[in-house]
Amino acid sequence: MSLMGGLGNQMFQYAAGKALAERHGVRLALDLSGFEVSGLGHSPRSFLLDRLCVPEFDPLNAPSANAPQPATNFRRALWKQRIDRLLRLAHLPQLPVSENQYREPHFQYDPAFETLGSETSLFGFFQSERYFAAIAETLRRCFSPRQPLGPAAAEVLARLARSELPVSVHVRRGDYLKPVTADVHGILDQPYYRGALARLDAATGDGKAEFFVFSDDAAAAEQILSFVPKARLVHVRGDPERPWEDMALMARCRHHVIANSSFSWWGAWLNRAPDKVVVAPRNWFVPAELTKRNTADLYPPGWNLV
């Protein structure tokens, strides 16, 4: 299983690989070379799954049990992806795929995933619960923080416990402001949050929820949510070096308003409550990108789209 991207993407990839390994009763091997690639137009991110209770990185395991695969799968798959793109532009056949390699063919769930063998190398993002719903409880245990929360996060957790109806609200900025990312994902502004919070209030009882705001841009979040009475807002000042703590705090909220971000997708999914309300953006990507990606399988059943 090749891992890449930020924490949310790493969790999607691990979840799919873990589900396939569990189905075959074999150990999941993880290729971490994607976090070392440079010079290929790819921006390396930090590997973070070892901050969670992922058994493949349990320090009590034998070294041979948690060693990643040789650093070749990610590079090979990345180069093939780029070459195939050029071949498509030239209307030429794409390179053949190795028998034991699986490249995610499109954004939506691929039923062919269920037919893959036990020695398959996986490359893709796998952003659908359908890949791993069978091991949901196993994953919720795996994706809890390995270490106790730091003092600041522990204070927020205590505040959550005192709240009558805590709701997480995620405002994503950061790398989404970069043109190359904004042109794909787009930016959610005040109209989305007005509609999402109205939907949440209508579902839970108007005016009762306390909104715990998680953002990588506190100033932007305050401006976007300026229409909300300040008494209903708790701006969480998380540690950017410990993003798994913010995700764990999101999961402890009662309901959720997420951004078009895998990070808050997981914050909502990790909440075990069967009657939770999750409000998500219908436009996960900009309109031009939505014509290329079918996002129907991205949202678990029962999530509310605005």
Foldseek 3Di string as FASTA:
>chain_A
DEAFDDPLLRLLVVLLQVQQCVVVVHARAYADLRQVDPPLPRDHDDDDLLQFQAVLNDPPDDPVSNHHDPNPPVVVVSVQVVVQVVCVVVVHDGDDDDPQEDEPPAFADDPCSVVHDNRHHYDDRNQFCVSRVVCLVVSLRRLAGPDDDDPLLVVLLVVLVVAPAEEEEEAEDVVCVDVVNCQWQNHDALVVVVVQVVVVCVVPPHPRYAYEYEYPDQVRVCVSCVVDPPVRYHYRDDDPVCLSSVLCSLLSGQEYEYELDSSVVSSHSSNPDPPHAYEYEPRSTPPVNCVRHDCPRNDDPRYHYD
